[in-house]
Amino acid sequence: MENILSKEEIEALLSAVFEGRIDPEKELAREGGGITNYNLFSSDSSKGHVPNLDIIYDSFIRYNRISMSNRLRKIVEFRKIGARVFKFDDFLQTLPTPVCMAIYKIDPLKGAALIAMDSPLVFTVVDSILGGTGKPKIPENNRIFTSIELRLVEKIIKDALLDMEKAWAPLTATRMSLLKTEVNPRMVNIVPPEYQVITMALEIQVEATIGNMVFALPYMTIEPIRDKLKSGMQFDQMAIDPKWSFRLSAELIEAPLEISVEMGGANISLAALLNLAPGDTIMLNDRPNQNELLVRVGGIDKFIGIAGVRGGNKAVKINGLLNKGGASE
């Protein structure tokens, strides 16, 4: 066990130092030792490193690129700037002015997390949602955002939280809910100032305007599932590009299909078929309902309809859908 000084010994040692009878520097040099400073909250500590967390953000980018493009009706591109670890108080000091901050809860994990958006991104989102060109005039006086602007930005934030749920799904099921939006960093206190937060900065380009979005996730929130990330679990589901499924759906919709309408049928012998000549008549079998025609799609019985004429062309009006048993619905 290490030797622990008693209260009397500590007081005697301090008195000797103050009176000059002991020079601490000479004592340390004679012992060949030194003092090693260690900051439990330093961003250089390996405690703040969370392996594979960037994979979640890669998946989020793939989802949110589509969501934001659809919401703004403009082409949106993302670029991952990088992850850093800060003390929460130091992180707040890095935020620009003005800034829109969204505090959200990640159930069932403890604590809250933060999304920060700078003014170019906020004004671009507001302009695009209201039908503008996506090239807003950024106010020069650095005014704070209005309540109407914040309500419009909430649409983008809620889309982002839904996409983040999808990105987290292969790791753990979560439900992310927006708690509030804030513009004053002093009013944000998701963790004590000295606690670590893991940040991820994203650069977002909407048309010709570039803005920034930063995620801040407290280490205490991610710690319970850190081992899952560290274990090298499979992220196959994250590797699926949502764009591919949209392109596939679009191509399938445009794929050509053969459609045919059966007027009736008849059974004849091969000899009768070989002896057919121009002008011969083939009597079709009676149908339960002579008005109903069978419509095949790709060679599969699919619909029933009624023959008619539309625009001078022969046509079929679809009356019902055939189920797997062949009965109409």
C-alpha atoms as a PDB file:
ATOM      1  CA  MET A   1       0.000   0.000   0.000  1.00  0.00           C
ATOM      2  CA  GLU A   2       1.033   3.606  -0.590  1.00  0.00           C
ATOM      3  CA  ASN A   3       2.195   5.598   2.417  1.00  0.00           C
ATOM      4  CA  ILE A   4      -0.451   8.128   3.457  1.00  0.00           C
ATOM      5  CA  LEU A   5       0.591  11.116   5.541  1.00  0.00           C
ATOM      6  CA  SER A   6      -1.336  11.935   8.649  1.00  0.00           C
ATOM      7  CA  LYS A   7      -2.780  15.385   9.277  1.00  0.00           C
ATOM      8  CA  GLU A   8       0.118  16.253  11.626  1.00  0.00           C
ATOM      9  CA  GLU A   9       2.714  15.121   9.093  1.00  0.00           C
ATOM     10  CA  ILE A  10       1.093  17.197   6.344  1.00  0.00           C
ATOM     11  CA  GLU A  11       1.084  20.288   8.560  1.00  0.00           C
ATOM     12  CA  ALA A  12       4.740  19.724   9.466  1.00  0.00           C
ATOM     13  CA  LEU A  13       5.681  19.336   5.809  1.00  0.00           C
ATOM     14  CA  LEU A  14       3.871  22.528   4.815  1.00  0.00           C
ATOM     15  CA  SER A  15       5.539  24.448   7.663  1.00  0.00           C
ATOM     16  CA  ALA A  16       8.955  23.244   6.510  1.00  0.00           C
ATOM     17  CA  VAL A  17       8.234  24.402   2.972  1.00  0.00           C
ATOM     18  CA  PHE A  18       6.987  27.823   4.091  1.00  0.00           C
ATOM     19  CA  GLU A  19       9.988  28.318   6.417  1.00  0.00           C
ATOM     20  CA  GLY A  20      12.394  27.383   3.624  1.00  0.00           C
ATOM     21  CA  ARG A  21      13.796  24.320   5.344  1.00  0.00           C
ATOM     22  CA  ILE A  22      12.646  22.153   2.392  1.00  0.00           C
ATOM     23  CA  ASP A  23      12.949  23.115  -1.284  1.00  0.00           C
ATOM     24  CA  PRO A  24      10.312  21.102  -3.209  1.00  0.00           C
ATOM     25  CA  GLU A  25      12.142  21.401  -6.550  1.00  0.00           C
ATOM     26  CA  LYS A  26      15.405  20.069  -5.102  1.00  0.00           C
ATOM     27  CA  GLU A  27      13.561  17.242  -3.403  1.00  0.00           C
ATOM     28  CA  LEU A  28      11.858  16.237  -6.657  1.00  0.00           C
ATOM     29  CA  ALA A  29      15.126  16.428  -8.582  1.00  0.00           C
ATOM     30  CA  ARG A  30      16.887  14.276  -5.960  1.00  0.00           C
ATOM     31  CA  GLU A  31      14.121  11.677  -6.108  1.00  0.00           C
ATOM     32  CA  GLY A  32      14.278  11.659  -9.918  1.00  0.00           C
ATOM     33  CA  GLY A  33      10.533  12.075 -10.111  1.00  0.00           C
ATOM     34  CA  GLY A  34       8.114  14.688 -11.259  1.00  0.00           C
ATOM     35  CA  ILE A  35       4.521  15.700 -11.106  1.00  0.00           C
ATOM     36  CA  THR A  36       2.220  14.497 -13.861  1.00  0.00           C
ATOM     37  CA  ASN A  37      -0.867  16.591 -14.365  1.00  0.00           C
ATOM     38  CA  TYR A  38      -3.990  14.757 -15.417  1.00  0.00           C
ATOM     39  CA  ASN A  39      -7.243  16.472 -16.246  1.00  0.00           C
ATOM     40  CA  LEU A  40     -10.204  14.150 -15.930  1.00  0.00           C
ATOM     41  CA  PHE A  41     -12.218  16.368 -18.264  1.00  0.00           C
ATOM     42  CA  SER A  42      -9.510  16.995 -20.848  1.00  0.00           C
ATOM     43  CA  SER A  43     -10.501  16.430 -24.464  1.00  0.00           C
ATOM     44  CA  ASP A  44      -7.180  14.592 -24.917  1.00  0.00           C
ATOM     45  CA  SER A  45      -8.334  11.835 -22.599  1.00  0.00           C
ATOM     46  CA  SER A  46      -9.033   8.529 -24.306  1.00  0.00           C
ATOM     47  CA  LYS A  47     -12.281   8.430 -22.370  1.00  0.00           C
ATOM     48  CA  GLY A  48     -13.903  10.710 -24.918  1.00  0.00           C
ATOM     49  CA  HIS A  49     -13.139   8.470 -27.874  1.00  0.00           C
ATOM     50  CA  VAL A  50     -16.153   6.484 -29.052  1.00  0.00           C
ATOM     51  CA  PRO A  51     -15.276   4.047 -31.858  1.00  0.00           C
ATOM     52  CA  ASN A  52     -17.609   3.630 -34.845  1.00  0.00           C
ATOM     53  CA  LEU A  53     -19.765   6.606 -33.841  1.00  0.00           C
ATOM     54  CA  ASP A  54     -18.927   8.241 -37.180  1.00  0.00           C
ATOM     55  CA  ILE A  55     -20.681   5.337 -38.943  1.00  0.00           C
ATOM     56  CA  ILE A  56     -23.955   6.455 -37.385  1.00  0.00           C
ATOM     57  CA  TYR A  57     -23.425   9.972 -38.719  1.00  0.00           C
ATOM     58  CA  ASP A  58     -22.568   8.591 -42.171  1.00  0.00           C
ATOM     59  CA  SER A  59     -25.904   6.790 -42.164  1.00  0.00           C
ATOM     60  CA  PHE A  60     -27.681   9.921 -40.925  1.00  0.00           C
ATOM     61  CA  ILE A  61     -26.219  11.937 -43.809  1.00  0.00           C
ATOM     62  CA  ARG A  62     -27.557   9.446 -46.348  1.00  0.00           C
ATOM     63  CA  TYR A  63     -31.060   9.643 -44.870  1.00  0.00           C
ATOM     64  CA  ASN A  64     -31.180  13.374 -44.180  1.00  0.00           C
ATOM     65  CA  ARG A  65     -29.856  14.363 -47.607  1.00  0.00           C
ATOM     66  CA  ILE A  66     -33.076  12.973 -49.079  1.00  0.00           C
ATOM     67  CA  SER A  67     -35.358  14.313 -46.327  1.00  0.00           C
ATOM     68  CA  MET A  68     -33.997  17.850 -46.498  1.00  0.00           C
ATOM     69  CA  SER A  69     -33.974  17.894 -50.299  1.00  0.00           C
ATOM     70  CA  ASN A  70     -37.635  16.880 -50.331  1.00  0.00           C
ATOM     71  CA  ARG A  71     -38.550  19.399 -47.631  1.00  0.00           C
ATOM     72  CA  LEU A  72     -36.777  22.344 -49.281  1.00  0.00           C
ATOM     73  CA  ARG A  73     -37.417  21.172 -52.877  1.00  0.00           C
ATOM     74  CA  LYS A  74     -33.780  21.896 -53.630  1.00  0.00           C
ATOM     75  CA  ILE A  75     -30.603  19.881 -54.057  1.00  0.00           C
ATOM     76  CA  VAL A  76     -28.864  19.536 -50.684  1.00  0.00           C
ATOM     77  CA  GLU A  77     -25.340  18.204 -50.195  1.00  0.00           C
ATOM     78  CA  PHE A  78     -23.661  17.209 -46.924  1.00  0.00           C
ATOM     79  CA  ARG A  79     -19.980  17.119 -46.011  1.00  0.00           C
ATOM     80  CA  LYS A  80     -18.716  15.712 -42.733  1.00  0.00           C
ATOM     81  CA  ILE A  81     -16.190  18.133 -41.225  1.00  0.00           C
ATOM     82  CA  GLY A  82     -15.184  15.944 -38.310  1.00  0.00           C
ATOM     83  CA  ALA A  83     -15.699  14.924 -34.699  1.00  0.00           C
ATOM     84  CA  ARG A  84     -14.190  16.595 -31.631  1.00  0.00           C
ATOM     85  CA  VAL A  85     -14.453  16.265 -27.874  1.00  0.00           C
ATOM     86  CA  PHE A  86     -15.018  19.374 -25.741  1.00  0.00           C
ATOM     87  CA  LYS A  87     -15.915  20.315 -22.246  1.00  0.00           C
ATOM     88  CA  PHE A  88     -19.501  21.487 -22.627  1.00  0.00           C
ATOM     89  CA  ASP A  89     -18.671  25.054 -21.575  1.00  0.00           C
ATOM     90  CA  ASP A  90     -15.847  25.210 -24.134  1.00  0.00           C
ATOM     91  CA  PHE A  91     -18.182  23.887 -26.839  1.00  0.00           C
ATOM     92  CA  LEU A  92     -20.750  26.637 -26.204  1.00  0.00           C
ATOM     93  CA  GLN A  93     -18.032  29.232 -26.682  1.00  0.00           C
ATOM     94  CA  THR A  94     -17.269  27.865 -30.159  1.00  0.00           C
ATOM     95  CA  LEU A  95     -20.830  28.479 -31.381  1.00  0.00           C
ATOM     96  CA  PRO A  96     -21.397  31.426 -33.719  1.00  0.00           C
ATOM     97  CA  THR A  97     -23.747  34.331 -33.052  1.00  0.00           C
ATOM     98  CA  PRO A  98     -26.621  34.106 -33.721  1.00  0.00           C
ATOM     99  CA  VAL A  99     -27.223  30.385 -33.453  1.00  0.00           C
ATOM    100  CA  CYS A 100     -30.301  28.167 -33.346  1.00  0.00           C
ATOM    101  CA  MET A 101     -29.988  25.350 -30.827  1.00  0.00           C
ATOM    102  CA  ALA A 102     -32.390  22.432 -30.526  1.00  0.00           C
ATOM    103  CA  ILE A 103     -32.335  20.335 -27.358  1.00  0.00           C
ATOM    104  CA  TYR A 104     -33.677  16.821 -27.795  1.00  0.00           C
ATOM    105  CA  LYS A 105     -34.143  13.685 -25.700  1.00  0.00           C
ATOM    106  CA  ILE A 106     -32.897  10.257 -26.739  1.00  0.00           C
ATOM    107  CA  ASP A 107     -35.080   7.640 -25.084  1.00  0.00           C
ATOM    108  CA  PRO A 108     -34.206   5.303 -23.395  1.00  0.00           C
ATOM    109  CA  LEU A 109     -30.728   6.848 -22.931  1.00  0.00           C
ATOM    110  CA  LYS A 110     -30.202   9.354 -20.142  1.00  0.00           C
ATOM    111  CA  GLY A 111     -29.615  13.047 -20.569  1.00  0.00           C
ATOM    112  CA  ALA A 112     -30.291  15.312 -23.531  1.00  0.00           C
ATOM    113  CA  ALA A 113     -28.374  16.183 -26.686  1.00  0.00           C
ATOM    114  CA  LEU A 114     -28.031  19.280 -28.833  1.00  0.00           C
ATOM    115  CA  ILE A 115     -28.189  20.339 -32.482  1.00  0.00           C
ATOM    116  CA  ALA A 116     -26.804  23.758 -33.413  1.00  0.00           C
ATOM    117  CA  MET A 117     -27.439  25.527 -36.746  1.00  0.00           C
ATOM    118  CA  ASP A 118     -25.695  28.744 -37.825  1.00  0.00           C
ATOM    119  CA  SER A 119     -27.472  31.746 -39.371  1.00  0.00           C
ATOM    120  CA  PRO A 120     -26.687  31.000 -43.074  1.00  0.00           C
ATOM    121  CA  LEU A 121     -28.330  27.588 -42.738  1.00  0.00           C
ATOM    122  CA  VAL A 122     -31.301  28.918 -40.760  1.00  0.00           C
ATOM    123  CA  PHE A 123     -32.067  31.759 -43.189  1.00  0.00           C
ATOM    124  CA  THR A 124     -31.635  29.426 -46.175  1.00  0.00           C
ATOM    125  CA  VAL A 125     -34.074  26.922 -44.680  1.00  0.00           C
ATOM    126  CA  VAL A 126     -36.634  29.654 -43.923  1.00  0.00           C
ATOM    127  CA  ASP A 127     -36.293  31.167 -47.403  1.00  0.00           C
ATOM    128  CA  SER A 128     -36.658  27.779 -49.123  1.00  0.00           C
ATOM    129  CA  ILE A 129     -39.673  26.645 -47.079  1.00  0.00           C
ATOM    130  CA  LEU A 130     -41.435  29.930 -47.878  1.00  0.00           C
ATOM    131  CA  GLY A 131     -40.855  29.374 -51.602  1.00  0.00           C
ATOM    132  CA  GLY A 132     -37.795  31.564 -52.074  1.00  0.00           C
ATOM    133  CA  THR A 133     -34.763  30.989 -54.261  1.00  0.00           C
ATOM    134  CA  GLY A 134     -32.681  29.466 -51.466  1.00  0.00           C
ATOM    135  CA  LYS A 135     -30.246  32.407 -51.660  1.00  0.00           C
ATOM    136  CA  PRO A 136     -31.392  34.586 -48.752  1.00  0.00           C
ATOM    137  CA  LYS A 137     -29.910  37.932 -47.822  1.00  0.00           C
ATOM    138  CA  ILE A 138     -28.163  37.361 -44.498  1.00  0.00           C
ATOM    139  CA  PRO A 139     -28.825  40.277 -42.099  1.00  0.00           C
ATOM    140  CA  GLU A 140     -25.624  42.175 -41.300  1.00  0.00           C
ATOM    141  CA  ASN A 141     -26.670  43.179 -37.787  1.00  0.00           C
ATOM    142  CA  ASN A 142     -26.566  39.561 -36.504  1.00  0.00           C
ATOM    143  CA  ARG A 143     -30.137  39.793 -35.251  1.00  0.00           C
ATOM    144  CA  ILE A 144     -31.613  36.871 -33.363  1.00  0.00           C
ATOM    145  CA  PHE A 145     -34.155  34.649 -35.070  1.00  0.00           C
ATOM    146  CA  THR A 146     -37.851  35.394 -34.821  1.00  0.00           C
ATOM    147  CA  SER A 147     -40.354  32.937 -33.378  1.00  0.00           C
ATOM    148  CA  ILE A 148     -41.783  32.333 -36.873  1.00  0.00           C
ATOM    149  CA  GLU A 149     -38.329  31.501 -38.237  1.00  0.00           C
ATOM    150  CA  LEU A 150     -37.705  29.105 -35.358  1.00  0.00           C
ATOM    151  CA  ARG A 151     -41.028  27.348 -35.969  1.00  0.00           C
ATOM    152  CA  LEU A 152     -40.085  26.818 -39.620  1.00  0.00           C
ATOM    153  CA  VAL A 153     -36.646  25.487 -38.662  1.00  0.00           C
ATOM    154  CA  GLU A 154     -38.342  23.024 -36.297  1.00  0.00           C
ATOM    155  CA  LYS A 155     -39.625  21.174 -39.382  1.00  0.00           C
ATOM    156  CA  ILE A 156     -36.033  20.511 -40.474  1.00  0.00           C
ATOM    157  CA  ILE A 157     -34.991  19.564 -36.944  1.00  0.00           C
ATOM    158  CA  LYS A 158     -37.832  17.054 -36.544  1.00  0.00           C
ATOM    159  CA  ASP A 159     -36.933  15.517 -39.917  1.00  0.00           C
ATOM    160  CA  ALA A 160     -33.335  15.241 -38.710  1.00  0.00           C
ATOM    161  CA  LEU A 161     -34.401  13.494 -35.491  1.00  0.00           C
ATOM    162  CA  LEU A 162     -36.453  10.941 -37.433  1.00  0.00           C
ATOM    163  CA  ASP A 163     -33.471  10.263 -39.696  1.00  0.00           C
ATOM    164  CA  MET A 164     -31.197   9.974 -36.671  1.00  0.00           C
ATOM    165  CA  GLU A 165     -33.546   7.330 -35.224  1.00  0.00           C
ATOM    166  CA  LYS A 166     -33.120   5.335 -38.444  1.00  0.00           C
ATOM    167  CA  ALA A 167     -29.354   5.740 -38.248  1.00  0.00           C
ATOM    168  CA  TRP A 168     -29.288   4.457 -34.654  1.00  0.00           C
ATOM    169  CA  ALA A 169     -31.687   1.559 -35.349  1.00  0.00           C
ATOM    170  CA  PRO A 170     -29.024  -1.105 -36.197  1.00  0.00           C
ATOM    171  CA  LEU A 171     -27.292  -0.311 -32.890  1.00  0.00           C
ATOM    172  CA  THR A 172     -30.222   0.215 -30.550  1.00  0.00           C
ATOM    173  CA  ALA A 173     -33.854   1.258 -30.785  1.00  0.00           C
ATOM    174  CA  THR A 174     -34.305   4.899 -29.808  1.00  0.00           C
ATOM    175  CA  ARG A 175     -37.002   7.550 -29.846  1.00  0.00           C
ATOM    176  CA  MET A 176     -35.768  11.098 -30.281  1.00  0.00           C
ATOM    177  CA  SER A 177     -38.069  13.940 -29.311  1.00  0.00           C
ATOM    178  CA  LEU A 178     -37.533  17.687 -29.526  1.00  0.00           C
ATOM    179  CA  LEU A 179     -37.683  19.372 -26.124  1.00  0.00           C
ATOM    180  CA  LYS A 180     -37.177  23.025 -27.076  1.00  0.00           C
ATOM    181  CA  THR A 181     -35.294  25.444 -29.308  1.00  0.00           C
ATOM    182  CA  GLU A 182     -33.060  28.181 -27.925  1.00  0.00           C
ATOM    183  CA  VAL A 183     -30.976  31.048 -29.297  1.00  0.00           C
ATOM    184  CA  ASN A 184     -29.084  31.990 -26.140  1.00  0.00           C
ATOM    185  CA  PRO A 185     -26.235  29.596 -25.220  1.00  0.00           C
ATOM    186  CA  ARG A 186     -26.480  30.723 -21.598  1.00  0.00           C
ATOM    187  CA  MET A 187     -29.939  29.184 -21.424  1.00  0.00           C
ATOM    188  CA  VAL A 188     -28.683  25.764 -22.548  1.00  0.00           C
ATOM    189  CA  ASN A 189     -27.534  23.377 -19.851  1.00  0.00           C
ATOM    190  CA  ILE A 190     -27.807  19.772 -21.030  1.00  0.00           C
ATOM    191  CA  VAL A 191     -24.858  18.762 -18.792  1.00  0.00           C
ATOM    192  CA  PRO A 192     -22.651  20.540 -16.223  1.00  0.00           C
ATOM    193  CA  PRO A 193     -20.038  22.853 -17.834  1.00  0.00           C
ATOM    194  CA  GLU A 194     -17.081  20.543 -17.138  1.00  0.00           C
ATOM    195  CA  TYR A 195     -18.663  17.408 -18.616  1.00  0.00           C
ATOM    196  CA  GLN A 196     -17.493  16.080 -21.952  1.00  0.00           C
ATOM    197  CA  VAL A 197     -19.554  16.272 -25.130  1.00  0.00           C
ATOM    198  CA  ILE A 198     -18.726  14.528 -28.384  1.00  0.00           C
ATOM    199  CA  THR A 199     -19.440  16.801 -31.344  1.00  0.00           C
ATOM    200  CA  MET A 200     -19.854  16.180 -35.056  1.00  0.00           C
ATOM    201  CA  ALA A 201     -19.806  19.141 -37.445  1.00  0.00           C
ATOM    202  CA  LEU A 202     -21.530  18.903 -40.828  1.00  0.00           C
ATOM    203  CA  GLU A 203     -21.288  21.362 -43.699  1.00  0.00           C
ATOM    204  CA  ILE A 204     -24.591  21.636 -45.584  1.00  0.00           C
ATOM    205  CA  GLN A 205     -24.865  23.193 -49.034  1.00  0.00           C
ATOM    206  CA  VAL A 206     -28.290  24.261 -50.315  1.00  0.00           C
ATOM    207  CA  GLU A 207     -27.927  25.465 -53.900  1.00  0.00           C
ATOM    208  CA  ALA A 208     -25.133  28.076 -53.611  1.00  0.00           C
ATOM    209  CA  THR A 209     -25.451  28.716 -49.851  1.00  0.00           C
ATOM    210  CA  ILE A 210     -23.306  26.871 -47.314  1.00  0.00           C
ATOM    211  CA  GLY A 211     -24.218  26.550 -43.650  1.00  0.00           C
ATOM    212  CA  ASN A 212     -23.205  24.392 -40.713  1.00  0.00           C
ATOM    213  CA  MET A 213     -24.973  21.964 -38.411  1.00  0.00           C
ATOM    214  CA  VAL A 214     -23.273  20.636 -35.282  1.00  0.00           C
ATOM    215  CA  PHE A 215     -24.389  17.714 -33.119  1.00  0.00           C
ATOM    216  CA  ALA A 216     -23.307  17.613 -29.471  1.00  0.00           C
ATOM    217  CA  LEU A 217     -23.781  14.327 -27.630  1.00  0.00           C
ATOM    218  CA  PRO A 218     -22.831  14.064 -23.937  1.00  0.00           C
ATOM    219  CA  TYR A 219     -20.405  11.287 -23.153  1.00  0.00           C
ATOM    220  CA  MET A 220     -22.615  10.232 -20.232  1.00  0.00           C
ATOM    221  CA  THR A 221     -25.415   9.575 -22.753  1.00  0.00           C
ATOM    222  CA  ILE A 222     -23.371   7.389 -25.074  1.00  0.00           C
ATOM    223  CA  GLU A 223     -21.446   5.556 -22.328  1.00  0.00           C
ATOM    224  CA  PRO A 224     -24.059   2.799 -21.661  1.00  0.00           C
ATOM    225  CA  ILE A 225     -23.875   1.606 -25.290  1.00  0.00           C
ATOM    226  CA  ARG A 226     -20.197   2.320 -25.870  1.00  0.00           C
ATOM    227  CA  ASP A 227     -19.345  -1.375 -25.671  1.00  0.00           C
ATOM    228  CA  LYS A 228     -21.805  -2.135 -28.476  1.00  0.00           C
ATOM    229  CA  LEU A 229     -20.014   0.333 -30.713  1.00  0.00           C
ATOM    230  CA  LYS A 230     -16.605  -0.895 -29.631  1.00  0.00           C
ATOM    231  CA  SER A 231     -17.448  -4.574 -30.196  1.00  0.00           C
ATOM    232  CA  GLY A 232     -17.356  -4.173 -33.968  1.00  0.00           C
ATOM    233  CA  MET A 233     -21.020  -5.057 -34.464  1.00  0.00           C
ATOM    234  CA  GLN A 234     -22.354  -5.376 -37.987  1.00  0.00           C
ATOM    235  CA  PHE A 235     -23.614  -2.207 -39.626  1.00  0.00           C
ATOM    236  CA  ASP A 236     -24.902  -3.872 -42.790  1.00  0.00           C
ATOM    237  CA  GLN A 237     -28.220  -2.068 -42.530  1.00  0.00           C
ATOM    238  CA  MET A 238     -26.410   1.262 -42.385  1.00  0.00           C
ATOM    239  CA  ALA A 239     -24.550   0.452 -45.587  1.00  0.00           C
ATOM    240  CA  ILE A 240     -27.788   0.547 -47.600  1.00  0.00           C
ATOM    241  CA  ASP A 241     -28.012   3.734 -49.620  1.00  0.00           C
ATOM    242  CA  PRO A 242     -31.589   5.080 -49.459  1.00  0.00           C
ATOM    243  CA  LYS A 243     -31.060   6.725 -52.857  1.00  0.00           C
ATOM    244  CA  TRP A 244     -30.766   3.287 -54.409  1.00  0.00           C
ATOM    245  CA  SER A 245     -34.232   2.242 -53.215  1.00  0.00           C
ATOM    246  CA  PHE A 246     -35.766   5.462 -54.550  1.00  0.00           C
ATOM    247  CA  ARG A 247     -34.107   4.960 -57.934  1.00  0.00           C
ATOM    248  CA  LEU A 248     -35.240   1.338 -58.020  1.00  0.00           C
ATOM    249  CA  SER A 249     -38.840   2.359 -57.228  1.00  0.00           C
ATOM    250  CA  ALA A 250     -38.772   4.982 -59.980  1.00  0.00           C
ATOM    251  CA  GLU A 251     -37.431   2.493 -62.529  1.00  0.00           C
ATOM    252  CA  LEU A 252     -39.999  -0.151 -61.567  1.00  0.00           C
ATOM    253  CA  ILE A 253     -42.833   2.329 -62.077  1.00  0.00           C
ATOM    254  CA  GLU A 254     -41.571   3.048 -65.603  1.00  0.00           C
ATOM    255  CA  ALA A 255     -40.972  -0.618 -66.496  1.00  0.00           C
ATOM    256  CA  PRO A 256     -43.084  -1.735 -69.534  1.00  0.00           C
ATOM    257  CA  LEU A 257     -45.571  -4.581 -69.020  1.00  0.00           C
ATOM    258  CA  GLU A 258     -47.588  -6.580 -71.550  1.00  0.00           C
ATOM    259  CA  ILE A 259     -51.341  -6.374 -71.042  1.00  0.00           C
ATOM    260  CA  SER A 260     -53.879  -8.568 -72.869  1.00  0.00           C
ATOM    261  CA  VAL A 261     -57.674  -8.925 -72.787  1.00  0.00           C
ATOM    262  CA  GLU A 262     -59.272 -12.342 -73.274  1.00  0.00           C
ATOM    263  CA  MET A 263     -62.560 -12.141 -75.170  1.00  0.00           C
ATOM    264  CA  GLY A 264     -63.241 -15.868 -74.680  1.00  0.00           C
ATOM    265  CA  GLY A 265     -61.855 -19.348 -75.301  1.00  0.00           C
ATOM    266  CA  ALA A 266     -62.587 -22.553 -77.182  1.00  0.00           C
ATOM    267  CA  ASN A 267     -61.376 -26.158 -77.175  1.00  0.00           C
ATOM    268  CA  ILE A 268     -60.737 -27.719 -80.573  1.00  0.00           C
ATOM    269  CA  SER A 269     -58.813 -30.753 -81.740  1.00  0.00           C
ATOM    270  CA  LEU A 270     -55.428 -30.536 -83.410  1.00  0.00           C
ATOM    271  CA  ALA A 271     -56.955 -31.946 -86.597  1.00  0.00           C
ATOM    272  CA  ALA A 272     -59.596 -29.187 -86.630  1.00  0.00           C
ATOM    273  CA  LEU A 273     -56.882 -26.582 -86.042  1.00  0.00           C
ATOM    274  CA  LEU A 274     -54.848 -27.873 -89.004  1.00  0.00           C
ATOM    275  CA  ASN A 275     -57.925 -27.837 -91.255  1.00  0.00           C
ATOM    276  CA  LEU A 276     -58.875 -24.245 -90.523  1.00  0.00           C
ATOM    277  CA  ALA A 277     -59.324 -22.094 -93.623  1.00  0.00           C
ATOM    278  CA  PRO A 278     -60.150 -18.410 -94.237  1.00  0.00           C
ATOM    279  CA  GLY A 279     -63.794 -17.745 -93.418  1.00  0.00           C
ATOM    280  CA  ASP A 280     -64.133 -20.536 -90.843  1.00  0.00           C
ATOM    281  CA  THR A 281     -65.807 -19.598 -87.583  1.00  0.00           C
ATOM    282  CA  ILE A 282     -64.706 -20.697 -84.108  1.00  0.00           C
ATOM    283  CA  MET A 283     -67.420 -20.692 -81.471  1.00  0.00           C
ATOM    284  CA  LEU A 284     -66.184 -19.453 -78.111  1.00  0.00           C
ATOM    285  CA  ASN A 285     -67.182 -21.105 -74.861  1.00  0.00           C
ATOM    286  CA  ASP A 286     -69.969 -19.474 -72.920  1.00  0.00           C
ATOM    287  CA  ARG A 287     -68.762 -17.326 -69.956  1.00  0.00           C
ATOM    288  CA  PRO A 288     -70.702 -16.987 -66.694  1.00  0.00           C
ATOM    289  CA  ASN A 289     -71.055 -13.278 -67.492  1.00  0.00           C
ATOM    290  CA  GLN A 290     -70.663 -12.501 -71.180  1.00  0.00           C
ATOM    291  CA  ASN A 291     -70.092  -8.799 -70.392  1.00  0.00           C
ATOM    292  CA  GLU A 292     -66.997  -9.459 -68.254  1.00  0.00           C
ATOM    293  CA  LEU A 293     -63.569  -9.788 -69.869  1.00  0.00           C
ATOM    294  CA  LEU A 294     -60.431 -11.212 -68.309  1.00  0.00           C
ATOM    295  CA  VAL A 295     -57.455  -8.802 -68.259  1.00  0.00           C
ATOM    296  CA  ARG A 296     -53.966 -10.302 -67.965  1.00  0.00           C
ATOM    297  CA  VAL A 297     -50.858  -8.317 -66.923  1.00  0.00           C
ATOM    298  CA  GLY A 298     -47.568  -9.992 -67.715  1.00  0.00           C
ATOM    299  CA  GLY A 299     -49.420 -13.231 -68.411  1.00  0.00           C
ATOM    300  CA  ILE A 300     -51.083 -13.229 -64.972  1.00  0.00           C
ATOM    301  CA  ASP A 301     -54.857 -12.919 -64.486  1.00  0.00           C
ATOM    302  CA  LYS A 302     -55.222  -9.565 -62.756  1.00  0.00           C
ATOM    303  CA  PHE A 303     -58.496  -7.707 -63.517  1.00  0.00           C
ATOM    304  CA  ILE A 304     -61.986  -8.094 -64.926  1.00  0.00           C
ATOM    305  CA  GLY A 305     -63.468  -5.443 -67.187  1.00  0.00           C
ATOM    306  CA  ILE A 306     -66.058  -4.484 -69.765  1.00  0.00           C
ATOM    307  CA  ALA A 307     -65.322  -3.898 -73.460  1.00  0.00           C
ATOM    308  CA  GLY A 308     -66.148  -0.513 -74.961  1.00  0.00           C
ATOM    309  CA  VAL A 309     -64.917   2.337 -77.123  1.00  0.00           C
ATOM    310  CA  ARG A 310     -63.088   5.474 -75.970  1.00  0.00           C
ATOM    311  CA  GLY A 311     -61.863   8.214 -78.288  1.00  0.00           C
ATOM    312  CA  GLY A 312     -62.582   6.048 -81.301  1.00  0.00           C
ATOM    313  CA  ASN A 313     -60.375   3.242 -79.964  1.00  0.00           C
ATOM    314  CA  LYS A 314     -61.341  -0.133 -78.544  1.00  0.00           C
ATOM    315  CA  ALA A 315     -60.970  -0.040 -74.760  1.00  0.00           C
ATOM    316  CA  VAL A 316     -61.601  -2.003 -71.591  1.00  0.00           C
ATOM    317  CA  LYS A 317     -63.045  -0.502 -68.424  1.00  0.00           C
ATOM    318  CA  ILE A 318     -61.584  -2.143 -65.297  1.00  0.00           C
ATOM    319  CA  ASN A 319     -64.394  -3.258 -63.007  1.00  0.00           C
ATOM    320  CA  GLY A 320     -62.600  -5.293 -60.392  1.00  0.00           C
ATOM    321  CA  LEU A 321     -59.409  -6.918 -59.134  1.00  0.00           C
ATOM    322  CA  LEU A 322     -58.961 -10.686 -59.139  1.00  0.00           C
ATOM    323  CA  ASN A 323     -57.671 -12.213 -55.932  1.00  0.00           C
ATOM    324  CA  LYS A 324     -55.325 -15.184 -55.778  1.00  0.00           C
ATOM    325  CA  GLY A 325     -58.249 -17.609 -55.928  1.00  0.00           C
ATOM    326  CA  GLY A 326     -59.480 -16.149 -59.194  1.00  0.00           C
ATOM    327  CA  ALA A 327     -62.565 -14.481 -57.702  1.00  0.00           C
ATOM    328  CA  SER A 328     -63.195 -10.806 -58.297  1.00  0.00           C
ATOM    329  CA  GLU A 329     -63.065  -8.239 -55.498  1.00  0.00           C
END
